[in-house]
Amino acid sequence: MDTPDLPADDLNDLERRLAGWRPSTVGLAPDAMLFAAGRASAQRGKARLAWPILSGCLALAAGVLGVWLASERSERRALVRALEEQHPRPAPANVPAPNETRPTEPPAPESYLSLRRAWEQHPSDWANRPVPPVRAPKRPASPERPIPRAWQPADRL
């Protein structure tokens, strides 16, 4: 430890004795100390088996749960099939047969379907065509109410 150079007259007796002490370097070998520290950190103990055992238990639990859920799903599907065989679903009454044609009314001229069909037939006509304005539905006028202000008395509202 480096000590600052202090004037001797500012130190009391105890401080002077402590300032004079220096650690002994006898028996200190930095390489041996680092080797011993590395060896101690790499020593095997009981804790080195904890992580592999824990990981194996978690993998086993995941496998067991996966097998259990797969069997539950197959049992549920078998139960649904058995119930459908016992009680078949009635055919919907309003669905036309696939070969029947239903009369349909043509789409409105400003609907998306009619505009899309017109664009598909003549896309070059639509390059510089103005966009028709959208007509918003008219709402009934709401009665005007004054905006409350902090300085207005409540009876004026």
Protein backbone atom coordinates (compact mmCIF):
# COMPACT_ATOMS: atom_id res chain seq x y z
CA MET A 1 0.00 0.00 0.00
CA ASP A 2 1.33 3.38 -0.93
CA THR A 3 1.28 5.94 1.80
CA PRO A 4 1.39 9.62 1.07
CA ASP A 5 4.41 11.47 2.32
CA LEU A 6 3.18 13.23 5.41
CA PRO A 7 5.23 15.60 7.50
CA ALA A 8 6.51 13.85 10.62
CA ASP A 9 5.30 16.56 12.96
CA ASP A 10 1.61 15.97 11.99
CA LEU A 11 1.66 12.28 13.08
CA ASN A 12 1.14 11.07 16.60
CA ASP A 13 3.08 8.19 18.07
CA LEU A 14 0.67 5.43 16.94
CA GLU A 15 0.50 6.79 13.41
CA ARG A 16 4.29 6.89 13.20
CA ARG A 17 4.57 3.24 14.30
CA LEU A 18 1.88 2.15 11.80
CA ALA A 19 3.54 4.11 8.99
CA GLY A 20 6.82 2.34 9.71
CA TRP A 21 5.40 -1.16 9.41
CA ARG A 22 5.90 -2.94 6.10
CA PRO A 23 4.54 -6.37 5.16
CA SER A 24 7.04 -9.18 5.08
CA THR A 25 7.81 -10.58 1.64
CA VAL A 26 9.37 -13.74 3.04
CA GLY A 27 7.59 -16.87 1.75
CA LEU A 28 5.44 -15.05 -0.78
CA ALA A 29 5.43 -16.59 -4.24
CA PRO A 30 2.94 -14.90 -6.60
CA ASP A 31 3.00 -17.74 -9.12
CA ALA A 32 2.31 -20.35 -6.46
CA MET A 33 -0.54 -18.28 -5.05
CA LEU A 34 -2.19 -17.90 -8.47
CA PHE A 35 -1.76 -21.61 -9.18
CA ALA A 36 -3.37 -22.54 -5.86
CA ALA A 37 -6.29 -20.16 -6.47
CA GLY A 38 -6.92 -21.61 -9.94
CA ARG A 39 -6.75 -25.14 -8.61
CA ALA A 40 -9.19 -24.35 -5.80
CA SER A 41 -11.68 -22.84 -8.25
CA ALA A 42 -11.60 -25.91 -10.49
CA GLN A 43 -11.94 -28.51 -7.75
CA ARG A 44 -14.91 -30.76 -8.13
CA GLY A 45 -17.53 -30.83 -5.45
CA LYS A 46 -21.06 -32.04 -4.93
CA ALA A 47 -22.51 -28.98 -6.65
CA ARG A 48 -21.03 -29.92 -10.03
CA LEU A 49 -23.65 -32.67 -10.40
CA ALA A 50 -26.60 -30.41 -9.56
CA TRP A 51 -27.05 -28.82 -13.01
CA PRO A 52 -26.92 -32.02 -15.07
CA ILE A 53 -29.32 -33.75 -12.69
CA LEU A 54 -31.71 -30.79 -12.72
CA SER A 55 -31.58 -30.56 -16.53
CA GLY A 56 -32.25 -34.28 -16.88
CA CYS A 57 -35.23 -34.09 -14.51
CA LEU A 58 -36.72 -31.18 -16.46
CA ALA A 59 -36.23 -32.99 -19.78
CA LEU A 60 -37.87 -36.11 -18.35
CA ALA A 61 -40.81 -34.06 -17.03
CA ALA A 62 -41.25 -32.38 -20.44
CA GLY A 63 -41.23 -35.78 -22.18
CA VAL A 64 -43.77 -37.29 -19.76
CA LEU A 65 -46.08 -34.28 -20.10
CA GLY A 66 -45.81 -34.40 -23.91
CA VAL A 67 -46.77 -38.08 -24.02
CA TRP A 68 -49.62 -37.51 -21.57
CA LEU A 69 -51.02 -34.57 -23.57
CA ALA A 70 -50.78 -36.53 -26.84
CA SER A 71 -52.74 -39.42 -25.32
CA GLU A 72 -55.34 -37.01 -23.91
CA ARG A 73 -55.81 -35.45 -27.33
CA SER A 74 -56.23 -38.81 -29.05
CA GLU A 75 -58.77 -39.86 -26.41
CA ARG A 76 -60.66 -36.60 -26.85
CA ARG A 77 -60.77 -37.04 -30.63
CA ALA A 78 -62.00 -40.63 -30.26
CA LEU A 79 -64.75 -39.41 -27.91
CA VAL A 80 -65.82 -36.70 -30.39
CA ARG A 81 -65.99 -39.29 -33.20
CA ALA A 82 -68.07 -41.63 -31.03
CA LEU A 83 -70.47 -38.82 -30.11
CA GLU A 84 -70.84 -37.77 -33.77
CA GLU A 85 -71.65 -41.35 -34.74
CA GLN A 86 -74.34 -41.54 -32.06
CA HIS A 87 -75.83 -38.11 -32.79
CA PRO A 88 -75.13 -36.98 -36.37
CA ARG A 89 -75.51 -33.31 -37.11
CA PRO A 90 -78.60 -32.30 -39.06
CA ALA A 91 -78.02 -30.74 -42.46
CA PRO A 92 -78.56 -26.99 -42.54
CA ALA A 93 -81.90 -26.12 -44.14
CA ASN A 94 -80.98 -22.84 -45.86
CA VAL A 95 -77.86 -23.91 -47.73
CA PRO A 96 -78.46 -24.38 -51.47
CA ALA A 97 -77.03 -27.37 -53.26
CA PRO A 98 -73.73 -26.69 -55.04
CA ASN A 99 -75.21 -27.01 -58.52
CA GLU A 100 -78.12 -24.66 -57.84
CA THR A 101 -77.71 -21.04 -58.82
CA ARG A 102 -79.21 -18.33 -56.70
CA PRO A 103 -80.54 -15.19 -58.30
CA THR A 104 -78.44 -12.28 -57.13
CA GLU A 105 -79.02 -8.63 -57.52
CA PRO A 106 -76.26 -6.62 -59.18
CA PRO A 107 -73.98 -4.66 -56.86
CA ALA A 108 -74.47 -0.94 -56.41
CA PRO A 109 -72.60 1.17 -59.00
CA GLU A 110 -70.34 2.77 -56.36
CA SER A 111 -69.66 -0.45 -54.43
CA TYR A 112 -66.20 -1.91 -54.23
CA LEU A 113 -67.12 -4.97 -56.29
CA SER A 114 -68.48 -3.00 -59.26
CA LEU A 115 -65.57 -0.54 -59.19
CA ARG A 116 -63.09 -3.41 -59.04
CA ARG A 117 -64.71 -5.15 -62.00
CA ALA A 118 -64.64 -1.92 -64.02
CA TRP A 119 -60.98 -1.39 -63.19
CA GLU A 120 -60.06 -4.96 -64.17
CA GLN A 121 -61.74 -4.54 -67.57
CA HIS A 122 -60.15 -1.14 -68.38
CA PRO A 123 -57.23 -0.33 -66.04
CA SER A 124 -55.84 2.41 -68.29
CA ASP A 125 -59.07 4.45 -67.91
CA TRP A 126 -58.46 4.69 -64.17
CA ALA A 127 -54.98 6.22 -64.34
CA ASN A 128 -56.12 9.87 -64.23
CA ARG A 129 -59.68 9.46 -63.06
CA PRO A 130 -60.72 11.79 -60.24
CA VAL A 131 -61.72 10.19 -56.98
CA PRO A 132 -65.46 10.58 -56.35
CA PRO A 133 -66.25 12.44 -53.14
CA VAL A 134 -67.47 10.39 -50.25
CA ARG A 135 -70.83 11.48 -49.01
CA ALA A 136 -71.04 11.39 -45.27
CA PRO A 137 -74.45 10.63 -43.79
CA LYS A 138 -76.15 13.69 -42.39
CA ARG A 139 -76.49 13.73 -38.64
CA PRO A 140 -79.12 15.67 -36.80
CA ALA A 141 -77.76 18.87 -35.34
CA SER A 142 -76.97 18.58 -31.67
CA PRO A 143 -78.27 21.33 -29.41
CA GLU A 144 -75.61 23.90 -28.60
CA ARG A 145 -74.48 23.78 -25.02
CA PRO A 146 -72.05 26.29 -23.60
CA ILE A 147 -68.62 25.07 -22.67
CA PRO A 148 -68.24 25.17 -18.87
CA ARG A 149 -65.58 27.57 -17.69
CA ALA A 150 -63.95 27.83 -14.30
CA TRP A 151 -65.18 31.38 -13.74
CA GLN A 152 -68.80 30.71 -14.72
CA PRO A 153 -71.36 30.07 -11.99
CA ALA A 154 -73.14 26.72 -12.27
CA ASP A 155 -76.63 28.30 -12.66
CA ARG A 156 -75.70 29.85 -16.03
CA LEU A 157 -75.14 26.43 -17.59
